[in-house]
N, C-alpha and C. Protein backbone atom coordinates (compact mmCIF):
# COMPACT_ATOMS: atom_id res chain seq x y z
N MET A 1 0.95 -1.13 -0.02
CA MET A 1 -0.17 0.03 0.22
C MET A 1 0.95 1.08 -0.11
N VAL A 2 0.91 1.64 -1.08
CA VAL A 2 1.73 3.35 -1.12
C VAL A 2 1.37 4.12 0.05
N ILE A 3 0.06 4.42 0.58
CA ILE A 3 -0.19 5.50 2.08
C ILE A 3 0.67 5.28 2.86
N GLY A 4 0.57 4.06 3.25
CA GLY A 4 1.29 2.95 4.66
C GLY A 4 2.72 3.27 4.18
N LYS A 5 3.31 3.14 2.92
CA LYS A 5 4.83 3.35 2.84
C LYS A 5 5.33 4.38 3.08
N MET A 6 4.78 5.72 2.60
CA MET A 6 4.34 7.04 2.63
C MET A 6 4.91 7.49 4.20
N ARG A 7 3.71 7.03 4.68
CA ARG A 7 3.68 6.91 6.32
C ARG A 7 4.94 6.66 6.78
N GLU A 8 5.24 5.26 6.77
CA GLU A 8 6.60 4.90 7.40
C GLU A 8 7.65 5.34 7.14
N SER A 9 7.89 6.12 5.78
CA SER A 9 9.05 6.48 5.47
C SER A 9 9.46 7.77 6.12
N ILE A 10 8.42 8.66 7.09
CA ILE A 10 8.36 9.78 7.72
C ILE A 10 8.14 9.77 9.18
N HIS A 11 7.32 8.86 9.23
CA HIS A 11 7.27 8.50 10.74
C HIS A 11 8.69 7.69 11.55
N ASN A 12 8.91 7.93 12.42
CA ASN A 12 10.17 7.39 13.20
C ASN A 12 11.17 6.88 12.34
N ILE A 13 12.08 7.96 12.02
CA ILE A 13 12.99 7.52 11.21
C ILE A 13 14.25 7.10 11.87
N ASN A 14 15.04 6.29 11.22
CA ASN A 14 15.97 5.57 12.27
C ASN A 14 17.01 6.75 12.65
N ALA A 15 17.41 7.76 11.56
CA ALA A 15 17.97 9.03 11.92
C ALA A 15 17.99 9.63 13.30
N LEU A 16 16.53 9.65 13.86
CA LEU A 16 16.10 10.41 15.39
C LEU A 16 16.23 9.62 16.28
N ARG A 17 16.03 8.25 15.98
CA ARG A 17 15.80 7.24 16.87
C ARG A 17 16.74 7.49 18.25
N ASP A 18 17.85 7.99 18.12
CA ASP A 18 18.78 8.23 19.38
C ASP A 18 18.34 9.24 20.35
N ASN A 19 17.92 10.09 19.45
CA ASN A 19 17.12 11.84 19.98
C ASN A 19 16.10 11.44 20.56
N ARG A 20 15.15 10.75 20.33
CA ARG A 20 13.73 10.24 20.52
C ARG A 20 14.14 9.83 21.77
N LYS A 21 14.73 8.83 21.65
CA LYS A 21 15.25 8.05 23.28
C LYS A 21 15.65 9.05 24.31
N LYS A 22 16.64 9.87 23.82
CA LYS A 22 17.09 10.78 25.19
C LYS A 22 15.79 11.80 25.36
N LEU A 23 15.04 12.15 24.73
CA LEU A 23 14.38 13.46 24.71
C LEU A 23 12.90 12.24 25.63
N ARG A 24 12.85 11.49 25.43
CA ARG A 24 11.72 10.37 26.16
C ARG A 24 12.48 9.96 27.60
N ASN A 25 13.72 9.94 27.89
CA ASN A 25 14.21 9.62 29.12
C ASN A 25 14.52 11.06 29.57
N SER A 26 14.15 12.48 29.30
CA SER A 26 14.50 13.38 29.90
C SER A 26 13.37 14.43 29.79
N LEU A 27 12.25 13.95 30.03
CA LEU A 27 11.04 15.09 29.75
C LEU A 27 11.40 15.96 30.74
N THR A 28 10.56 17.28 30.14
CA THR A 28 10.41 18.43 31.13
C THR A 28 9.05 18.12 31.95
N PRO A 29 9.39 18.96 33.13
CA PRO A 29 8.13 18.72 34.08
C PRO A 29 7.26 18.54 33.58
N ALA A 30 6.56 19.71 32.66
CA ALA A 30 5.23 19.78 31.91
C ALA A 30 4.90 18.32 31.12
N GLU A 31 6.00 17.89 30.46
CA GLU A 31 5.83 16.91 29.25
C GLU A 31 5.68 15.89 30.08
N ALA A 32 6.15 15.46 31.36
CA ALA A 32 5.96 14.37 32.37
C ALA A 32 4.59 14.31 33.17
N MET A 33 4.16 15.69 33.48
CA MET A 33 2.80 15.75 33.91
C MET A 33 1.59 15.20 32.76
N LEU A 34 1.78 15.95 31.54
CA LEU A 34 0.98 15.50 30.61
C LEU A 34 0.90 14.15 30.25
N TRP A 35 2.01 13.62 30.33
CA TRP A 35 2.00 11.77 29.80
C TRP A 35 1.28 11.02 30.76
N THR A 36 1.19 11.54 32.26
CA THR A 36 1.02 10.61 33.07
C THR A 36 -0.63 10.83 32.88
N LEU A 37 -1.46 12.04 32.26
CA LEU A 37 -2.59 11.80 32.12
C LEU A 37 -3.12 11.15 30.23
N LEU A 38 -2.04 11.26 29.89
CA LEU A 38 -2.56 10.52 27.92
C LEU A 38 -2.58 9.16 27.94
N LYS A 39 -0.99 8.72 28.87
CA LYS A 39 -0.60 7.27 28.87
C LYS A 39 -1.68 6.50 28.73
N ASN A 40 -1.24 4.90 28.57
CA ASN A 40 -2.15 3.75 28.65
C ASN A 40 -3.49 4.42 28.07
N SER A 41 -3.94 5.16 27.12
CA SER A 41 -5.09 5.22 26.60
C SER A 41 -6.29 5.84 27.40
N GLN A 42 -5.57 6.59 28.76
CA GLN A 42 -6.71 7.24 29.25
C GLN A 42 -7.56 8.40 28.94
N LEU A 43 -7.09 8.79 28.13
CA LEU A 43 -8.39 9.72 27.34
C LEU A 43 -8.85 9.48 26.28
N GLN A 44 -10.03 9.07 26.43
CA GLN A 44 -11.40 8.72 25.97
C GLN A 44 -10.57 7.65 25.10
N ASN A 45 -10.05 6.59 25.31
CA ASN A 45 -9.15 5.18 24.57
C ASN A 45 -8.33 5.90 23.34
N ARG A 46 -8.19 7.12 23.19
CA ARG A 46 -6.87 6.98 22.54
C ARG A 46 -5.65 7.00 22.57
N LYS A 47 -4.99 6.46 21.83
CA LYS A 47 -3.09 6.32 22.16
C LYS A 47 -2.71 7.53 21.40
N PHE A 48 -1.78 7.72 22.62
CA PHE A 48 -0.80 9.04 22.28
C PHE A 48 0.66 8.03 22.45
N ARG A 49 1.59 8.68 21.82
CA ARG A 49 2.82 8.17 21.70
C ARG A 49 3.53 9.41 22.03
N ARG A 50 4.73 9.69 22.77
CA ARG A 50 5.59 10.63 23.38
C ARG A 50 6.90 10.80 22.57
N GLN A 51 7.35 11.73 22.23
CA GLN A 51 8.56 11.98 21.39
C GLN A 51 8.42 10.87 20.33
N HIS A 52 7.63 11.20 19.56
CA HIS A 52 7.30 10.87 18.27
C HIS A 52 7.59 11.40 17.09
N SER A 53 8.64 11.07 16.24
CA SER A 53 9.27 11.94 14.99
C SER A 53 8.38 11.57 13.57
N VAL A 54 8.20 12.58 13.07
CA VAL A 54 7.38 13.00 11.83
C VAL A 54 8.37 13.45 11.19
N GLY A 55 9.17 13.23 9.92
CA GLY A 55 9.83 13.83 9.18
C GLY A 55 10.86 14.29 9.68
N PRO A 56 11.57 15.60 10.05
CA PRO A 56 12.88 15.83 10.73
C PRO A 56 12.62 16.65 11.80
N TYR A 57 11.06 16.27 12.44
CA TYR A 57 10.67 16.80 13.97
C TYR A 57 10.17 15.59 14.69
N VAL A 58 10.69 15.89 16.19
CA VAL A 58 10.01 15.19 17.08
C VAL A 58 8.95 16.17 17.67
N LEU A 59 7.99 15.23 18.10
CA LEU A 59 6.81 15.79 18.55
C LEU A 59 6.92 15.40 19.76
N ASP A 60 6.27 16.36 20.76
CA ASP A 60 5.81 15.85 22.23
C ASP A 60 5.42 15.16 22.15
N PHE A 61 4.03 14.84 21.91
CA PHE A 61 3.06 13.95 22.00
C PHE A 61 2.43 13.54 21.06
N TYR A 62 1.89 12.64 19.99
CA TYR A 62 0.98 12.19 18.86
C TYR A 62 0.25 11.18 18.64
N CYS A 63 -0.95 11.34 18.63
CA CYS A 63 -2.27 10.16 18.60
C CYS A 63 -2.06 10.15 17.08
N PRO A 64 -1.92 8.94 16.68
CA PRO A 64 -1.93 8.35 15.26
C PRO A 64 -3.35 8.29 14.52
N ALA A 65 -4.28 7.87 15.73
CA ALA A 65 -5.75 7.96 14.89
C ALA A 65 -6.44 8.91 14.96
N GLU A 66 -5.92 10.36 15.52
CA GLU A 66 -6.57 11.31 15.18
C GLU A 66 -5.42 11.93 15.07
N ASN A 67 -4.67 11.96 14.29
CA ASN A 67 -3.74 12.75 12.91
C ASN A 67 -3.38 13.97 14.17
N LEU A 68 -2.85 13.86 15.27
CA LEU A 68 -2.93 15.20 16.46
C LEU A 68 -2.00 14.99 17.03
N CYS A 69 -0.86 16.24 16.71
CA CYS A 69 -0.01 16.74 17.75
C CYS A 69 -0.05 17.67 18.71
N ILE A 70 0.59 17.38 20.11
CA ILE A 70 0.63 18.41 21.17
C ILE A 70 1.96 18.41 21.05
N GLU A 71 1.90 19.69 21.38
CA GLU A 71 3.06 20.21 21.74
C GLU A 71 3.11 21.36 22.96
N LEU A 72 4.10 21.57 24.00
CA LEU A 72 4.31 21.94 25.15
C LEU A 72 5.13 23.18 25.00
N ASP A 73 4.91 24.51 25.22
CA ASP A 73 6.14 25.05 24.82
C ASP A 73 6.66 26.35 26.11
N GLY A 74 7.76 26.29 26.43
CA GLY A 74 8.60 26.77 27.17
C GLY A 74 9.00 28.32 26.74
N GLU A 75 9.87 28.71 27.48
CA GLU A 75 10.33 29.95 27.41
C GLU A 75 11.45 30.24 25.94
N GLY A 76 11.74 28.99 25.33
CA GLY A 76 12.56 28.84 24.48
C GLY A 76 11.63 29.12 22.98
N HIS A 77 10.52 29.22 23.35
CA HIS A 77 9.22 29.21 22.25
C HIS A 77 8.94 30.68 22.03
N PHE A 78 9.24 31.47 23.05
CA PHE A 78 8.68 32.77 23.12
C PHE A 78 9.86 33.95 22.53
N ASN A 79 10.12 33.95 21.63
CA ASN A 79 11.02 34.67 20.36
C ASN A 79 11.14 34.64 19.16
N ASP A 80 11.58 35.41 18.47
CA ASP A 80 11.41 35.33 17.23
C ASP A 80 11.99 34.05 16.44
N ALA A 81 12.86 33.58 16.96
CA ALA A 81 13.61 32.60 16.45
C ALA A 81 12.66 31.46 16.74
N GLY A 82 11.94 31.03 17.84
CA GLY A 82 11.18 30.12 18.29
C GLY A 82 10.04 30.06 17.42
N PHE A 83 9.59 31.33 17.27
CA PHE A 83 8.34 31.45 16.72
C PHE A 83 8.28 31.41 15.18
N GLU A 84 9.26 31.35 14.71
CA GLU A 84 9.54 30.95 13.13
C GLU A 84 9.41 29.48 13.04
N TYR A 85 10.58 28.83 13.76
CA TYR A 85 10.40 27.29 13.95
C TYR A 85 9.51 26.26 14.28
N ASP A 86 8.76 27.23 15.00
CA ASP A 86 6.95 26.48 15.33
C ASP A 86 6.33 26.76 14.26
N THR A 87 6.55 27.78 13.54
CA THR A 87 5.38 27.92 12.46
C THR A 87 5.69 27.07 11.00
N ALA A 88 6.97 27.03 11.20
CA ALA A 88 7.23 26.30 9.54
C ALA A 88 7.16 24.82 9.99
N ARG A 89 7.31 24.47 11.57
CA ARG A 89 7.06 23.16 11.91
C ARG A 89 5.69 22.68 11.57
N THR A 90 4.66 23.98 12.14
CA THR A 90 3.44 23.29 12.14
C THR A 90 3.26 23.49 10.49
N GLU A 91 3.35 24.30 9.67
CA GLU A 91 2.90 24.12 8.44
C GLU A 91 3.48 22.97 7.64
N TYR A 92 4.58 22.43 7.96
CA TYR A 92 4.89 20.91 7.34
C TYR A 92 4.05 19.93 7.92
N LEU A 93 3.86 19.77 9.72
CA LEU A 93 2.77 19.00 10.21
C LEU A 93 1.18 18.88 9.36
N ASN A 94 0.90 20.40 9.17
CA ASN A 94 -0.46 20.81 8.69
C ASN A 94 -0.72 20.13 6.93
N SER A 95 0.68 20.20 6.48
CA SER A 95 0.82 19.63 4.85
C SER A 95 0.71 18.19 5.10
N LEU A 96 0.64 17.31 6.30
CA LEU A 96 0.62 16.03 5.77
C LEU A 96 -0.67 15.37 6.50
N ASN A 97 -1.44 16.42 6.71
CA ASN A 97 -2.87 16.76 7.56
C ASN A 97 -2.43 16.15 8.94
N ILE A 98 -1.32 16.50 9.60
CA ILE A 98 -1.57 16.50 11.11
C ILE A 98 -1.77 17.59 11.77
N ARG A 99 -3.25 17.80 12.62
CA ARG A 99 -3.30 19.00 13.11
C ARG A 99 -2.63 19.45 14.26
N VAL A 100 -2.00 20.38 14.89
CA VAL A 100 -1.21 20.94 16.18
C VAL A 100 -1.60 21.58 16.98
N LEU A 101 -2.08 21.38 17.99
CA LEU A 101 -2.39 21.73 19.37
C LEU A 101 -1.09 22.05 20.27
N ARG A 102 -0.98 23.47 20.52
CA ARG A 102 -0.08 24.17 21.63
C ARG A 102 -0.31 24.65 22.87
N PHE A 103 0.04 24.37 23.99
CA PHE A 103 -0.11 24.79 24.94
C PHE A 103 1.02 25.08 25.85
N GLU A 104 0.85 26.35 26.45
CA GLU A 104 2.32 26.74 27.22
C GLU A 104 2.65 26.13 28.66
N ASN A 105 3.58 25.62 28.97
CA ASN A 105 3.94 24.78 29.90
C ASN A 105 3.10 25.07 31.48
N LYS A 106 3.13 26.17 31.50
CA LYS A 106 2.18 26.48 32.61
C LYS A 106 1.00 26.20 32.63
N ASP A 107 0.41 26.30 31.38
CA ASP A 107 -1.01 25.58 31.41
C ASP A 107 -1.29 24.01 32.06
N VAL A 108 -0.37 23.42 31.60
CA VAL A 108 -0.31 21.73 32.28
C VAL A 108 -0.47 21.89 33.89
N PHE A 109 0.34 22.88 34.15
CA PHE A 109 -0.12 22.70 35.87
C PHE A 109 -0.76 23.46 36.24
N GLU A 110 -1.30 24.41 35.80
CA GLU A 110 -2.63 25.48 36.34
C GLU A 110 -3.70 24.98 36.09
N ASN A 111 -3.83 24.51 34.85
CA ASN A 111 -5.22 24.00 34.30
C ASN A 111 -5.04 22.77 33.44
N SER A 112 -4.51 21.50 34.11
CA SER A 112 -4.32 20.48 33.39
C SER A 112 -5.85 19.89 32.65
N GLU A 113 -6.82 20.09 33.87
CA GLU A 113 -8.31 19.74 32.98
C GLU A 113 -8.31 20.47 31.60
N GLY A 114 -8.50 21.60 31.62
CA GLY A 114 -8.69 22.48 30.68
C GLY A 114 -7.89 22.18 29.73
N VAL A 115 -6.63 21.81 29.51
CA VAL A 115 -5.76 21.03 28.62
C VAL A 115 -6.35 19.87 27.72
N LEU A 116 -6.78 18.91 29.06
CA LEU A 116 -7.33 17.80 28.45
C LEU A 116 -8.65 18.05 27.54
N GLU A 117 -9.61 18.97 28.10
CA GLU A 117 -10.63 19.38 27.41
C GLU A 117 -10.29 19.58 26.32
N GLU A 118 -9.64 20.67 25.97
CA GLU A 118 -9.33 21.32 24.69
C GLU A 118 -8.67 20.09 23.63
N ILE A 119 -7.89 19.03 24.48
CA ILE A 119 -7.56 17.90 23.44
C ILE A 119 -8.63 17.24 22.82
N GLN A 120 -9.52 16.72 23.86
CA GLN A 120 -10.51 16.22 23.44
C GLN A 120 -11.54 17.19 22.66
N ARG A 121 -11.78 18.32 22.63
CA ARG A 121 -12.26 19.24 21.58
C ARG A 121 -11.93 19.03 20.19
N ASN A 122 -10.59 18.36 20.15
CA ASN A 122 -9.86 18.49 18.81
C ASN A 122 -9.80 17.01 18.32
N PHE A 123 -10.68 15.96 18.95
CA PHE A 123 -10.92 14.84 18.26
C PHE A 123 -11.99 14.81 17.32
N ILE A 124 -11.55 13.99 16.17
CA ILE A 124 -12.50 14.07 14.97
C ILE A 124 -13.07 12.71 15.17
N LEU A 125 -12.59 11.81 15.26
CA LEU A 125 -13.14 10.63 15.79
C LEU A 125 -14.25 10.41 17.03
N ASN A 126 -14.73 10.81 16.90
CA ASN A 126 -16.12 10.92 18.27
C ASN A 126 -16.57 9.46 18.57
N GLN A 127 -16.35 9.15 19.72
CA GLN A 127 -16.97 7.77 20.56
C GLN A 127 -18.62 7.95 20.28
N THR A 128 -19.13 8.79 20.40
CA THR A 128 -20.80 9.38 20.06
C THR A 128 -21.35 8.81 18.72
N THR A 129 -20.57 8.08 17.97
CA THR A 129 -21.27 7.99 16.80
C THR A 129 -22.43 6.99 16.95
N PRO A 130 -23.65 7.42 16.09
CA PRO A 130 -24.82 6.82 16.25
C PRO A 130 -24.58 5.20 15.94
N ASP A 131 -25.41 4.63 16.85
CA ASP A 131 -25.61 3.11 16.70
C ASP A 131 -26.11 2.65 15.26
N PRO A 132 -25.93 2.04 14.64
CA PRO A 132 -26.48 1.48 13.34
C PRO A 132 -27.59 0.88 13.32
N SER A 133 -27.89 0.16 14.28
CA SER A 133 -29.65 -0.44 14.52
C SER A 133 -30.19 0.18 14.81
N LEU A 134 -30.16 1.60 15.26
CA LEU A 134 -31.27 2.83 15.58
C LEU A 134 -31.79 3.57 14.26
N THR A 135 -31.08 3.40 13.18
CA THR A 135 -31.34 4.27 12.59
C THR A 135 -32.33 3.46 11.16
N LYS A 136 -32.84 3.81 10.30
CA LYS A 136 -33.98 3.23 9.66
C LYS A 136 -33.39 3.23 8.13
N GLU A 137 -33.08 2.05 7.65
CA GLU A 137 -33.14 2.29 6.37
C GLU A 137 -33.66 2.42 5.07
N GLY A 138 -33.01 3.69 4.37
CA GLY A 138 -33.61 4.34 3.36
C GLY A 138 -34.62 5.49 3.96
N SER A 139 -33.90 5.83 5.22
CA SER A 139 -34.95 7.28 5.47
C SER A 139 -33.91 8.51 5.47
């Protein structure tokens, strides 16, 4: 399958394996806290991966089923260089139909429920799809 092959060629490429592992082993406090809330499919049964790479970028968190990237931004993102890098990264990910949500680190500590609610609002695959047995054929 061509789509599956393309997906494999840009996801978790071997050249970034050591960097991904290093990042997983040294999560920021905000990343560690959010990971405790996302791991083991705790959020509406969605599987998230931490420090997953797509192309040249390592994403903080990625939900493959939703094509959703979660990025946590600390001080390094709040300057011109950080803004330009984040903009280019988001444009690249959007070109692959990956949506990007950004939160400041402090939001994870001060409003983790709000962060989780915003992530859930961005799920496309709803758990509340209509039961086919309740709909009439031909109506």
